[in-house]
């Protein structure tokens, strides 16, 4: 439970009634639940779409079907599954609509299953549906060692793209092992200068960035003809474990001028570039499912082309430690909670 807005210490294990199971619904006995950056924002009070506190968050789980409602035919009790959860995932039991449940391949652990839905859906939506990434194109993936970054790298390599990835130097071996062709240390190098050097000034075709306005403008300048910038977050709004009002206001102030200022309309046509904004929760709400972005990836999950990477698993009573682990940027891959 997020008992109130604040630091990791506001997280608390509590007993709540079991969720009911209605027609067309599936109740899952959760074995692992993913943690996303949005969950840490919800805890600090910076995520406007989060439920009111006290609440349980969590967008994705893996586990076993505990029971099914009337009309459910695709899964049955006892089956191993993964699922998208519209909050409430970080619990022993969660109820979801049948169309949000996917069978978990036997080759994957529950922790790996919980690392799949949100990260890979985000990568597919941004790089493929919006970005139209194709074989032979160049893509710059920021935060390449994070859960979404690793997923995006695998999706890009599956397509056949040349991957540039930013991460701290200590994580370069790890991101190269995932498929990054050019690892860039964002702490000691200017990523834009390094990309220009590596590409002999040509730039890249797609940039995938959740950092925020401070980098969006530089990303846009790196795009070559027909290039696409996909903005899917603003992690700079929060630094460390707690909410920073100063950082949030600074990010909001920069946003109108970061990538497509109001005076830039005609310039976009002349420069032959595009800018996309991606919010997976809004996508989910509008379409009612994640099928358009998860469906094309299921075969890759089954045959091993896509390999969810788990950085660490924490028990529910260690949830505050899990949030600190993420705030300290120690993770390479996904952080999950286990009941």
C-alpha atoms as a PDB file:
ATOM      1  CA  UNK A   1       0.000   0.000   0.000  1.00  0.00           C
ATOM      2  CA  UNK A   2       1.006   3.602  -0.634  1.00  0.00           C
ATOM      3  CA  UNK A   3      -0.309   4.902   2.686  1.00  0.00           C
ATOM      4  CA  UNK A   4       0.435   8.559   1.898  1.00  0.00           C
ATOM      5  CA  UNK A   5       2.633  10.562  -0.437  1.00  0.00           C
ATOM      6  CA  UNK A   6       6.270  10.624   0.551  1.00  0.00           C
ATOM      7  CA  UNK A   7       9.511   8.669   0.571  1.00  0.00           C
ATOM      8  CA  UNK A   8       9.859   4.885   0.368  1.00  0.00           C
ATOM      9  CA  UNK A   9       8.979   4.576   4.049  1.00  0.00           C
ATOM     10  CA  UNK A  10       5.278   5.273   3.260  1.00  0.00           C
ATOM     11  CA  UNK A  11       4.991   1.814   1.646  1.00  0.00           C
ATOM     12  CA  UNK A  12       3.362  -0.703   3.939  1.00  0.00           C
ATOM     13  CA  UNK A  13       2.079  -4.274   3.738  1.00  0.00           C
ATOM     14  CA  UNK A  14      -1.594  -4.402   4.746  1.00  0.00           C
ATOM     15  CA  UNK A  15      -4.445  -6.889   4.593  1.00  0.00           C
ATOM     16  CA  UNK A  16      -7.340  -6.055   2.282  1.00  0.00           C
ATOM     17  CA  UNK A  17     -10.429  -8.018   1.177  1.00  0.00           C
ATOM     18  CA  UNK A  18      -9.964 -10.389  -1.753  1.00  0.00           C
ATOM     19  CA  UNK A  19     -11.029  -8.783  -5.051  1.00  0.00           C
ATOM     20  CA  UNK A  20     -14.289 -10.175  -6.488  1.00  0.00           C
ATOM     21  CA  UNK A  21     -14.420 -12.006  -9.826  1.00  0.00           C
ATOM     22  CA  UNK A  22     -17.136 -10.939 -12.248  1.00  0.00           C
ATOM     23  CA  UNK A  23     -18.214 -12.171 -15.694  1.00  0.00           C
ATOM     24  CA  UNK A  24     -15.366 -12.053 -18.212  1.00  0.00           C
ATOM     25  CA  UNK A  25     -12.776 -11.609 -15.455  1.00  0.00           C
ATOM     26  CA  UNK A  26      -9.814 -13.628 -14.237  1.00  0.00           C
ATOM     27  CA  UNK A  27      -8.444 -13.639 -10.687  1.00  0.00           C
ATOM     28  CA  UNK A  28      -4.705 -14.282 -10.518  1.00  0.00           C
ATOM     29  CA  UNK A  29      -2.663 -15.553  -7.594  1.00  0.00           C
ATOM     30  CA  UNK A  30       0.281 -13.210  -8.035  1.00  0.00           C
ATOM     31  CA  UNK A  31       3.775 -14.703  -7.890  1.00  0.00           C
ATOM     32  CA  UNK A  32       5.596 -11.555  -9.057  1.00  0.00           C
ATOM     33  CA  UNK A  33       4.566  -7.949  -9.784  1.00  0.00           C
ATOM     34  CA  UNK A  34       6.545  -5.409 -11.766  1.00  0.00           C
ATOM     35  CA  UNK A  35       7.594  -1.996 -10.475  1.00  0.00           C
ATOM     36  CA  UNK A  36       7.618   0.869 -12.976  1.00  0.00           C
ATOM     37  CA  UNK A  37       8.902   4.412 -12.666  1.00  0.00           C
ATOM     38  CA  UNK A  38       5.270   5.550 -12.635  1.00  0.00           C
ATOM     39  CA  UNK A  39       4.820   3.633  -9.375  1.00  0.00           C
ATOM     40  CA  UNK A  40       7.574   5.667  -7.730  1.00  0.00           C
ATOM     41  CA  UNK A  41       5.981   8.864  -9.044  1.00  0.00           C
ATOM     42  CA  UNK A  42       2.638   7.746  -7.633  1.00  0.00           C
ATOM     43  CA  UNK A  43       4.283   7.265  -4.259  1.00  0.00           C
ATOM     44  CA  UNK A  44       5.697  10.808  -4.249  1.00  0.00           C
ATOM     45  CA  UNK A  45       2.457  12.344  -5.549  1.00  0.00           C
ATOM     46  CA  UNK A  46       3.783  13.327  -8.977  1.00  0.00           C
ATOM     47  CA  UNK A  47       1.675  10.916 -11.033  1.00  0.00           C
ATOM     48  CA  UNK A  48      -1.664  12.505 -11.763  1.00  0.00           C
ATOM     49  CA  UNK A  49      -3.291   9.307 -13.095  1.00  0.00           C
ATOM     50  CA  UNK A  50      -2.598   7.278  -9.955  1.00  0.00           C
ATOM     51  CA  UNK A  51      -5.492   6.395  -7.632  1.00  0.00           C
ATOM     52  CA  UNK A  52      -5.952   8.442  -4.490  1.00  0.00           C
ATOM     53  CA  UNK A  53      -3.938   7.310  -1.500  1.00  0.00           C
ATOM     54  CA  UNK A  54      -4.112   4.991   0.317  1.00  0.00           C
ATOM     55  CA  UNK A  55      -3.904   2.691  -2.684  1.00  0.00           C
ATOM     56  CA  UNK A  56      -2.230  -0.285  -4.324  1.00  0.00           C
ATOM     57  CA  UNK A  57      -0.461   0.351  -7.611  1.00  0.00           C
ATOM     58  CA  UNK A  58       1.171  -1.999 -10.109  1.00  0.00           C
ATOM     59  CA  UNK A  59       0.578  -2.418 -13.835  1.00  0.00           C
ATOM     60  CA  UNK A  60       1.712  -5.976 -14.464  1.00  0.00           C
ATOM     61  CA  UNK A  61       1.894  -9.373 -12.830  1.00  0.00           C
ATOM     62  CA  UNK A  62       2.738 -12.995 -13.444  1.00  0.00           C
ATOM     63  CA  UNK A  63       1.194 -15.860 -11.533  1.00  0.00           C
ATOM     64  CA  UNK A  64      -1.361 -18.640 -11.670  1.00  0.00           C
ATOM     65  CA  UNK A  65      -5.048 -18.376 -12.499  1.00  0.00           C
ATOM     66  CA  UNK A  66      -6.866 -18.706  -9.162  1.00  0.00           C
ATOM     67  CA  UNK A  67     -10.432 -18.534 -10.495  1.00  0.00           C
ATOM     68  CA  UNK A  68     -12.381 -17.320 -13.521  1.00  0.00           C
ATOM     69  CA  UNK A  69     -15.686 -15.567 -14.005  1.00  0.00           C
ATOM     70  CA  UNK A  70     -18.605 -16.547 -16.157  1.00  0.00           C
ATOM     71  CA  UNK A  71     -17.822 -16.662 -19.876  1.00  0.00           C
ATOM     72  CA  UNK A  72     -14.038 -16.923 -19.574  1.00  0.00           C
ATOM     73  CA  UNK A  73     -12.711 -19.566 -21.980  1.00  0.00           C
ATOM     74  CA  UNK A  74      -9.101 -18.676 -22.845  1.00  0.00           C
ATOM     75  CA  UNK A  75      -7.578 -19.697 -19.489  1.00  0.00           C
ATOM     76  CA  UNK A  76      -8.508 -21.949 -16.588  1.00  0.00           C
ATOM     77  CA  UNK A  77      -7.515 -22.266 -12.924  1.00  0.00           C
ATOM     78  CA  UNK A  78      -3.957 -23.404 -12.364  1.00  0.00           C
ATOM     79  CA  UNK A  79      -2.513 -22.049 -15.617  1.00  0.00           C
ATOM     80  CA  UNK A  80       0.621 -19.904 -15.566  1.00  0.00           C
ATOM     81  CA  UNK A  81      -0.117 -16.436 -16.947  1.00  0.00           C
ATOM     82  CA  UNK A  82       1.095 -12.882 -17.190  1.00  0.00           C
ATOM     83  CA  UNK A  83      -1.237  -9.909 -17.297  1.00  0.00           C
ATOM     84  CA  UNK A  84      -1.582  -6.181 -17.484  1.00  0.00           C
ATOM     85  CA  UNK A  85      -3.250  -4.707 -14.402  1.00  0.00           C
ATOM     86  CA  UNK A  86      -4.911  -1.291 -14.246  1.00  0.00           C
ATOM     87  CA  UNK A  87      -3.359  -0.741 -10.791  1.00  0.00           C
ATOM     88  CA  UNK A  88      -3.769  -3.186  -7.860  1.00  0.00           C
ATOM     89  CA  UNK A  89      -1.091  -5.521  -9.235  1.00  0.00           C
ATOM     90  CA  UNK A  90       1.179  -5.402  -6.200  1.00  0.00           C
ATOM     91  CA  UNK A  91      -0.994  -7.765  -4.179  1.00  0.00           C
ATOM     92  CA  UNK A  92      -1.403 -11.491  -3.536  1.00  0.00           C
ATOM     93  CA  UNK A  93      -4.588 -11.548  -5.631  1.00  0.00           C
ATOM     94  CA  UNK A  94      -5.645  -9.306  -8.501  1.00  0.00           C
ATOM     95  CA  UNK A  95      -8.647  -9.438 -10.823  1.00  0.00           C
ATOM     96  CA  UNK A  96      -8.329  -8.383 -14.469  1.00  0.00           C
ATOM     97  CA  UNK A  97     -10.360  -8.604 -17.662  1.00  0.00           C
ATOM     98  CA  UNK A  98      -9.789 -11.752 -19.717  1.00  0.00           C
ATOM     99  CA  UNK A  99      -8.365  -9.779 -22.656  1.00  0.00           C
ATOM    100  CA  UNK A 100      -5.460  -8.584 -20.514  1.00  0.00           C
ATOM    101  CA  UNK A 101      -4.253 -12.105 -19.695  1.00  0.00           C
ATOM    102  CA  UNK A 102      -1.597 -13.978 -21.704  1.00  0.00           C
ATOM    103  CA  UNK A 103      -0.188 -17.446 -21.138  1.00  0.00           C
ATOM    104  CA  UNK A 104       3.294 -17.511 -19.620  1.00  0.00           C
ATOM    105  CA  UNK A 105       5.756 -19.737 -21.511  1.00  0.00           C
ATOM    106  CA  UNK A 106       7.146 -22.558 -19.376  1.00  0.00           C
ATOM    107  CA  UNK A 107      10.698 -21.424 -20.092  1.00  0.00           C
ATOM    108  CA  UNK A 108      10.131 -18.184 -18.161  1.00  0.00           C
ATOM    109  CA  UNK A 109      10.048 -17.658 -14.417  1.00  0.00           C
ATOM    110  CA  UNK A 110       7.245 -15.680 -12.815  1.00  0.00           C
ATOM    111  CA  UNK A 111       9.716 -12.842 -12.184  1.00  0.00           C
ATOM    112  CA  UNK A 112      10.602 -12.763 -15.879  1.00  0.00           C
ATOM    113  CA  UNK A 113       6.918 -12.847 -16.791  1.00  0.00           C
ATOM    114  CA  UNK A 114       6.222  -9.800 -14.638  1.00  0.00           C
ATOM    115  CA  UNK A 115       9.044  -7.985 -16.451  1.00  0.00           C
ATOM    116  CA  UNK A 116       7.308  -8.337 -19.814  1.00  0.00           C
ATOM    117  CA  UNK A 117       3.957  -6.510 -20.242  1.00  0.00           C
ATOM    118  CA  UNK A 118       4.646  -2.811 -19.671  1.00  0.00           C
ATOM    119  CA  UNK A 119       8.274  -2.625 -20.777  1.00  0.00           C
ATOM    120  CA  UNK A 120       7.863  -4.508 -24.029  1.00  0.00           C
ATOM    121  CA  UNK A 121       4.505  -2.909 -24.839  1.00  0.00           C
ATOM    122  CA  UNK A 122       6.127   0.505 -24.420  1.00  0.00           C
ATOM    123  CA  UNK A 123       9.050  -0.462 -26.652  1.00  0.00           C
ATOM    124  CA  UNK A 124       6.781  -1.880 -29.364  1.00  0.00           C
ATOM    125  CA  UNK A 125       4.404   1.090 -29.291  1.00  0.00           C
ATOM    126  CA  UNK A 126       7.217   3.630 -29.423  1.00  0.00           C
ATOM    127  CA  UNK A 127       9.747   2.061 -31.759  1.00  0.00           C
ATOM    128  CA  UNK A 128       7.475   0.147 -34.123  1.00  0.00           C
ATOM    129  CA  UNK A 129       3.948   1.577 -34.159  1.00  0.00           C
ATOM    130  CA  UNK A 130       4.975   5.226 -33.786  1.00  0.00           C
ATOM    131  CA  UNK A 131       8.635   5.152 -34.794  1.00  0.00           C
ATOM    132  CA  UNK A 132       8.254   2.766 -37.734  1.00  0.00           C
ATOM    133  CA  UNK A 133      11.764   1.453 -37.054  1.00  0.00           C
ATOM    134  CA  UNK A 134      13.135  -0.663 -39.896  1.00  0.00           C
ATOM    135  CA  UNK A 135      16.112  -2.913 -40.498  1.00  0.00           C
ATOM    136  CA  UNK A 136      19.302  -0.940 -41.122  1.00  0.00           C
ATOM    137  CA  UNK A 137      18.070   2.220 -39.426  1.00  0.00           C
ATOM    138  CA  UNK A 138      19.805   3.811 -36.453  1.00  0.00           C
ATOM    139  CA  UNK A 139      18.074   4.195 -33.095  1.00  0.00           C
ATOM    140  CA  UNK A 140      19.249   6.014 -29.971  1.00  0.00           C
ATOM    141  CA  UNK A 141      17.827   4.495 -26.776  1.00  0.00           C
ATOM    142  CA  UNK A 142      18.276   6.502 -23.598  1.00  0.00           C
ATOM    143  CA  UNK A 143      18.554   4.722 -20.222  1.00  0.00           C
ATOM    144  CA  UNK A 144      19.447   1.566 -22.128  1.00  0.00           C
ATOM    145  CA  UNK A 145      20.132  -0.418 -18.934  1.00  0.00           C
ATOM    146  CA  UNK A 146      16.664   0.111 -17.489  1.00  0.00           C
ATOM    147  CA  UNK A 147      13.708  -2.200 -17.923  1.00  0.00           C
ATOM    148  CA  UNK A 148      12.253  -0.343 -20.906  1.00  0.00           C
ATOM    149  CA  UNK A 149      15.719   0.351 -22.315  1.00  0.00           C
ATOM    150  CA  UNK A 150      16.648  -3.336 -22.410  1.00  0.00           C
ATOM    151  CA  UNK A 151      13.255  -4.232 -23.882  1.00  0.00           C
ATOM    152  CA  UNK A 152      13.658  -1.544 -26.551  1.00  0.00           C
ATOM    153  CA  UNK A 153      17.142  -2.801 -27.387  1.00  0.00           C
ATOM    154  CA  UNK A 154      15.855  -6.336 -27.896  1.00  0.00           C
ATOM    155  CA  UNK A 155      12.936  -5.132 -30.027  1.00  0.00           C
ATOM    156  CA  UNK A 156      15.283  -2.983 -32.133  1.00  0.00           C
ATOM    157  CA  UNK A 157      17.801  -5.792 -32.656  1.00  0.00           C
ATOM    158  CA  UNK A 158      14.987  -8.176 -33.570  1.00  0.00           C
ATOM    159  CA  UNK A 159      14.106  -5.731 -36.350  1.00  0.00           C
ATOM    160  CA  UNK A 160      17.726  -5.394 -37.444  1.00  0.00           C
ATOM    161  CA  UNK A 161      18.462  -1.809 -36.404  1.00  0.00           C
ATOM    162  CA  UNK A 162      21.812  -0.303 -35.351  1.00  0.00           C
ATOM    163  CA  UNK A 163      21.488   0.591 -31.658  1.00  0.00           C
ATOM    164  CA  UNK A 164      23.067   3.494 -29.781  1.00  0.00           C
ATOM    165  CA  UNK A 165      22.451   3.354 -26.023  1.00  0.00           C
ATOM    166  CA  UNK A 166      23.159   5.686 -23.121  1.00  0.00           C
ATOM    167  CA  UNK A 167      24.034   4.344 -19.665  1.00  0.00           C
ATOM    168  CA  UNK A 168      26.648   4.854 -16.982  1.00  0.00           C
ATOM    169  CA  UNK A 169      30.009   3.285 -17.836  1.00  0.00           C
ATOM    170  CA  UNK A 170      29.607   0.505 -15.254  1.00  0.00           C
ATOM    171  CA  UNK A 171      26.598  -0.794 -17.199  1.00  0.00           C
ATOM    172  CA  UNK A 172      28.157  -0.782 -20.684  1.00  0.00           C
ATOM    173  CA  UNK A 173      29.096  -4.463 -20.717  1.00  0.00           C
ATOM    174  CA  UNK A 174      25.534  -5.335 -19.747  1.00  0.00           C
ATOM    175  CA  UNK A 175      23.876  -3.250 -22.460  1.00  0.00           C
ATOM    176  CA  UNK A 176      26.315  -4.495 -25.094  1.00  0.00           C
ATOM    177  CA  UNK A 177      25.337  -8.036 -24.112  1.00  0.00           C
ATOM    178  CA  UNK A 178      21.718  -7.075 -24.818  1.00  0.00           C
ATOM    179  CA  UNK A 179      22.606  -5.854 -28.315  1.00  0.00           C
ATOM    180  CA  UNK A 180      23.672  -2.201 -28.021  1.00  0.00           C
ATOM    181  CA  UNK A 181      26.198  -1.529 -30.785  1.00  0.00           C
ATOM    182  CA  UNK A 182      27.438   1.819 -29.452  1.00  0.00           C
ATOM    183  CA  UNK A 183      27.422   2.383 -25.669  1.00  0.00           C
ATOM    184  CA  UNK A 184      27.597   6.029 -24.560  1.00  0.00           C
ATOM    185  CA  UNK A 185      28.426   7.159 -21.012  1.00  0.00           C
ATOM    186  CA  UNK A 186      25.961   9.969 -20.368  1.00  0.00           C
ATOM    187  CA  UNK A 187      27.886  11.022 -17.260  1.00  0.00           C
ATOM    188  CA  UNK A 188      31.235  11.710 -18.895  1.00  0.00           C
ATOM    189  CA  UNK A 189      30.218  12.281 -22.515  1.00  0.00           C
ATOM    190  CA  UNK A 190      27.828  14.612 -24.294  1.00  0.00           C
ATOM    191  CA  UNK A 191      25.553  12.047 -25.930  1.00  0.00           C
ATOM    192  CA  UNK A 192      24.728  14.328 -28.857  1.00  0.00           C
ATOM    193  CA  UNK A 193      28.382  14.983 -29.662  1.00  0.00           C
ATOM    194  CA  UNK A 194      29.186  11.287 -29.375  1.00  0.00           C
ATOM    195  CA  UNK A 195      26.341  10.273 -31.702  1.00  0.00           C
ATOM    196  CA  UNK A 196      27.476  12.825 -34.266  1.00  0.00           C
ATOM    197  CA  UNK A 197      31.038  11.515 -34.023  1.00  0.00           C
ATOM    198  CA  UNK A 198      29.978   7.898 -34.410  1.00  0.00           C
ATOM    199  CA  UNK A 199      27.692   8.662 -37.357  1.00  0.00           C
ATOM    200  CA  UNK A 200      30.083  11.167 -38.993  1.00  0.00           C
ATOM    201  CA  UNK A 201      27.533  13.900 -38.493  1.00  0.00           C
ATOM    202  CA  UNK A 202      24.628  12.053 -40.109  1.00  0.00           C
ATOM    203  CA  UNK A 203      22.585  11.449 -36.946  1.00  0.00           C
ATOM    204  CA  UNK A 204      19.983   8.775 -36.268  1.00  0.00           C
ATOM    205  CA  UNK A 205      16.552   7.789 -37.541  1.00  0.00           C
ATOM    206  CA  UNK A 206      14.745   7.235 -34.229  1.00  0.00           C
ATOM    207  CA  UNK A 207      15.319   8.461 -30.666  1.00  0.00           C
ATOM    208  CA  UNK A 208      13.509   6.797 -27.754  1.00  0.00           C
ATOM    209  CA  UNK A 209      13.648   9.013 -24.676  1.00  0.00           C
ATOM    210  CA  UNK A 210      11.984   9.105 -21.243  1.00  0.00           C
ATOM    211  CA  UNK A 211      14.443  11.523 -19.638  1.00  0.00           C
ATOM    212  CA  UNK A 212      12.659  14.813 -20.189  1.00  0.00           C
ATOM    213  CA  UNK A 213      12.909  18.260 -21.792  1.00  0.00           C
ATOM    214  CA  UNK A 214      16.619  18.664 -21.027  1.00  0.00           C
ATOM    215  CA  UNK A 215      17.414  16.014 -23.616  1.00  0.00           C
ATOM    216  CA  UNK A 216      14.420  16.199 -25.982  1.00  0.00           C
ATOM    217  CA  UNK A 217      15.734  19.249 -27.803  1.00  0.00           C
ATOM    218  CA  UNK A 218      19.149  17.637 -28.309  1.00  0.00           C
ATOM    219  CA  UNK A 219      17.444  14.446 -29.474  1.00  0.00           C
ATOM    220  CA  UNK A 220      15.482  16.353 -32.096  1.00  0.00           C
ATOM    221  CA  UNK A 221      18.634  17.955 -33.458  1.00  0.00           C
ATOM    222  CA  UNK A 222      20.190  14.500 -33.923  1.00  0.00           C
ATOM    223  CA  UNK A 223      17.451  13.280 -36.252  1.00  0.00           C
ATOM    224  CA  UNK A 224      18.309  12.974 -39.904  1.00  0.00           C
ATOM    225  CA  UNK A 225      15.813  13.276 -42.778  1.00  0.00           C
ATOM    226  CA  UNK A 226      12.629  11.426 -41.882  1.00  0.00           C
ATOM    227  CA  UNK A 227      13.740  11.040 -38.268  1.00  0.00           C
ATOM    228  CA  UNK A 228      11.286  10.423 -35.410  1.00  0.00           C
ATOM    229  CA  UNK A 229      11.593  11.404 -31.757  1.00  0.00           C
ATOM    230  CA  UNK A 230       9.466   9.387 -29.330  1.00  0.00           C
ATOM    231  CA  UNK A 231       9.039  10.993 -25.900  1.00  0.00           C
ATOM    232  CA  UNK A 232       7.567   8.571 -23.374  1.00  0.00           C
ATOM    233  CA  UNK A 233       8.350  10.040 -19.975  1.00  0.00           C
ATOM    234  CA  UNK A 234      10.095  12.700 -17.931  1.00  0.00           C
ATOM    235  CA  UNK A 235      12.225  10.962 -15.325  1.00  0.00           C
ATOM    236  CA  UNK A 236      14.094  14.185 -14.602  1.00  0.00           C
ATOM    237  CA  UNK A 237      10.971  15.393 -12.781  1.00  0.00           C
ATOM    238  CA  UNK A 238      12.073  13.279  -9.825  1.00  0.00           C
ATOM    239  CA  UNK A 239      15.584  12.961  -8.459  1.00  0.00           C
ATOM    240  CA  UNK A 240      16.390  10.602  -5.617  1.00  0.00           C
ATOM    241  CA  UNK A 241      13.764   9.043  -3.379  1.00  0.00           C
ATOM    242  CA  UNK A 242      11.492  12.015  -2.776  1.00  0.00           C
ATOM    243  CA  UNK A 243       9.487  14.558  -4.666  1.00  0.00           C
ATOM    244  CA  UNK A 244      11.364  17.655  -5.761  1.00  0.00           C
ATOM    245  CA  UNK A 245       8.997  20.549  -6.397  1.00  0.00           C
ATOM    246  CA  UNK A 246      11.878  22.530  -7.887  1.00  0.00           C
ATOM    247  CA  UNK A 247      12.722  19.742 -10.350  1.00  0.00           C
ATOM    248  CA  UNK A 248       9.057  19.313 -11.290  1.00  0.00           C
ATOM    249  CA  UNK A 249       8.567  23.030 -11.935  1.00  0.00           C
ATOM    250  CA  UNK A 250      11.800  23.210 -13.910  1.00  0.00           C
ATOM    251  CA  UNK A 251      10.679  20.320 -16.102  1.00  0.00           C
ATOM    252  CA  UNK A 252       7.260  21.899 -16.700  1.00  0.00           C
ATOM    253  CA  UNK A 253       8.875  25.213 -17.583  1.00  0.00           C
ATOM    254  CA  UNK A 254      11.158  23.570 -20.144  1.00  0.00           C
ATOM    255  CA  UNK A 255       8.508  21.392 -21.749  1.00  0.00           C
ATOM    256  CA  UNK A 256       6.964  23.901 -24.188  1.00  0.00           C
ATOM    257  CA  UNK A 257      10.406  24.694 -25.604  1.00  0.00           C
ATOM    258  CA  UNK A 258      11.973  21.232 -25.584  1.00  0.00           C
ATOM    259  CA  UNK A 259      11.123  19.668 -28.911  1.00  0.00           C
ATOM    260  CA  UNK A 260       8.266  21.274 -30.819  1.00  0.00           C
ATOM    261  CA  UNK A 261       7.751  24.892 -29.702  1.00  0.00           C
ATOM    262  CA  UNK A 262       4.614  26.650 -30.833  1.00  0.00           C
ATOM    263  CA  UNK A 263       6.519  28.556 -33.519  1.00  0.00           C
ATOM    264  CA  UNK A 264       8.043  25.356 -34.979  1.00  0.00           C
ATOM    265  CA  UNK A 265       5.153  24.117 -37.129  1.00  0.00           C
ATOM    266  CA  UNK A 266       6.497  25.195 -40.526  1.00  0.00           C
ATOM    267  CA  UNK A 267      10.010  24.258 -39.441  1.00  0.00           C
ATOM    268  CA  UNK A 268       8.933  20.647 -38.947  1.00  0.00           C
ATOM    269  CA  UNK A 269       7.833  20.465 -42.570  1.00  0.00           C
ATOM    270  CA  UNK A 270      11.071  21.951 -43.823  1.00  0.00           C
ATOM    271  CA  UNK A 271      13.200  19.695 -41.618  1.00  0.00           C
ATOM    272  CA  UNK A 272      11.280  16.506 -42.448  1.00  0.00           C
ATOM    273  CA  UNK A 273      11.169  15.268 -38.868  1.00  0.00           C
ATOM    274  CA  UNK A 274       8.466  14.036 -36.527  1.00  0.00           C
ATOM    275  CA  UNK A 275       7.791  14.156 -32.778  1.00  0.00           C
ATOM    276  CA  UNK A 276       5.599  11.649 -30.934  1.00  0.00           C
ATOM    277  CA  UNK A 277       4.376  11.550 -27.358  1.00  0.00           C
ATOM    278  CA  UNK A 278       3.637   8.172 -25.772  1.00  0.00           C
ATOM    279  CA  UNK A 279       1.652   7.505 -22.596  1.00  0.00           C
ATOM    280  CA  UNK A 280       0.953   3.771 -22.242  1.00  0.00           C
ATOM    281  CA  UNK A 281      -1.799   4.241 -19.661  1.00  0.00           C
ATOM    282  CA  UNK A 282      -3.694   6.575 -22.008  1.00  0.00           C
ATOM    283  CA  UNK A 283      -3.116   4.094 -24.856  1.00  0.00           C
ATOM    284  CA  UNK A 284      -4.427   1.267 -22.678  1.00  0.00           C
ATOM    285  CA  UNK A 285      -7.518   3.230 -21.677  1.00  0.00           C
ATOM    286  CA  UNK A 286      -8.303   4.294 -25.251  1.00  0.00           C
ATOM    287  CA  UNK A 287      -7.944   0.816 -26.780  1.00  0.00           C
ATOM    288  CA  UNK A 288      -9.159  -1.246 -23.836  1.00  0.00           C
ATOM    289  CA  UNK A 289      -6.283  -3.691 -24.176  1.00  0.00           C
ATOM    290  CA  UNK A 290      -2.602  -3.982 -25.031  1.00  0.00           C
ATOM    291  CA  UNK A 291      -3.160  -6.466 -27.861  1.00  0.00           C
ATOM    292  CA  UNK A 292      -1.905  -4.172 -30.631  1.00  0.00           C
ATOM    293  CA  UNK A 293       1.493  -3.875 -28.997  1.00  0.00           C
ATOM    294  CA  UNK A 294       1.833  -7.130 -27.056  1.00  0.00           C
ATOM    295  CA  UNK A 295       0.317  -9.431 -29.696  1.00  0.00           C
ATOM    296  CA  UNK A 296       3.191  -9.073 -32.208  1.00  0.00           C
ATOM    297  CA  UNK A 297       5.724  -9.862 -29.465  1.00  0.00           C
ATOM    298  CA  UNK A 298       4.282 -13.108 -28.101  1.00  0.00           C
ATOM    299  CA  UNK A 299       6.075 -15.295 -30.659  1.00  0.00           C
ATOM    300  CA  UNK A 300       9.384 -13.639 -29.765  1.00  0.00           C
ATOM    301  CA  UNK A 301       8.712 -14.272 -26.085  1.00  0.00           C
ATOM    302  CA  UNK A 302       7.919 -17.916 -26.774  1.00  0.00           C
ATOM    303  CA  UNK A 303      10.933 -18.636 -28.984  1.00  0.00           C
ATOM    304  CA  UNK A 304      13.484 -16.778 -26.867  1.00  0.00           C
ATOM    305  CA  UNK A 305      14.156 -13.839 -29.200  1.00  0.00           C
ATOM    306  CA  UNK A 306      12.854 -11.582 -26.421  1.00  0.00           C
ATOM    307  CA  UNK A 307      14.364 -12.226 -23.002  1.00  0.00           C
ATOM    308  CA  UNK A 308      12.935 -10.264 -20.057  1.00  0.00           C
ATOM    309  CA  UNK A 309      15.769  -9.241 -17.734  1.00  0.00           C
ATOM    310  CA  UNK A 310      15.184  -9.056 -13.992  1.00  0.00           C
ATOM    311  CA  UNK A 311      17.550  -6.841 -12.032  1.00  0.00           C
ATOM    312  CA  UNK A 312      16.312  -7.860  -8.586  1.00  0.00           C
ATOM    313  CA  UNK A 313      13.310  -9.323  -6.797  1.00  0.00           C
ATOM    314  CA  UNK A 314      12.184  -7.928  -3.442  1.00  0.00           C
ATOM    315  CA  UNK A 315       9.564  -9.341  -1.080  1.00  0.00           C
ATOM    316  CA  UNK A 316       6.503  -7.215  -0.344  1.00  0.00           C
ATOM    317  CA  UNK A 317       7.897  -6.201   3.036  1.00  0.00           C
ATOM    318  CA  UNK A 318      11.032  -4.970   1.248  1.00  0.00           C
ATOM    319  CA  UNK A 319       9.082  -2.701  -1.110  1.00  0.00           C
ATOM    320  CA  UNK A 320      10.725   0.421   0.309  1.00  0.00           C
ATOM    321  CA  UNK A 321      14.142  -1.089  -0.429  1.00  0.00           C
ATOM    322  CA  UNK A 322      13.011  -1.823  -3.980  1.00  0.00           C
ATOM    323  CA  UNK A 323      12.036   1.819  -4.521  1.00  0.00           C
ATOM    324  CA  UNK A 324      15.386   2.964  -3.110  1.00  0.00           C
ATOM    325  CA  UNK A 325      17.181   0.521  -5.410  1.00  0.00           C
ATOM    326  CA  UNK A 326      15.464   2.140  -8.405  1.00  0.00           C
ATOM    327  CA  UNK A 327      16.062   5.695  -7.135  1.00  0.00           C
ATOM    328  CA  UNK A 328      19.774   4.934  -6.839  1.00  0.00           C
ATOM    329  CA  UNK A 329      19.776   3.763 -10.489  1.00  0.00           C
ATOM    330  CA  UNK A 330      21.348   0.463  -9.498  1.00  0.00           C
ATOM    331  CA  UNK A 331      19.114  -1.708 -11.643  1.00  0.00           C
ATOM    332  CA  UNK A 332      20.030  -3.355 -14.916  1.00  0.00           C
ATOM    333  CA  UNK A 333      16.627  -4.517 -16.087  1.00  0.00           C
ATOM    334  CA  UNK A 334      13.351  -4.833 -14.239  1.00  0.00           C
ATOM    335  CA  UNK A 335      12.756  -4.668 -10.495  1.00  0.00           C
ATOM    336  CA  UNK A 336       9.909  -6.869  -9.259  1.00  0.00           C
ATOM    337  CA  UNK A 337       8.050  -7.547  -6.026  1.00  0.00           C
ATOM    338  CA  UNK A 338       7.109 -11.048  -4.839  1.00  0.00           C
ATOM    339  CA  UNK A 339       4.441 -11.806  -2.198  1.00  0.00           C
END
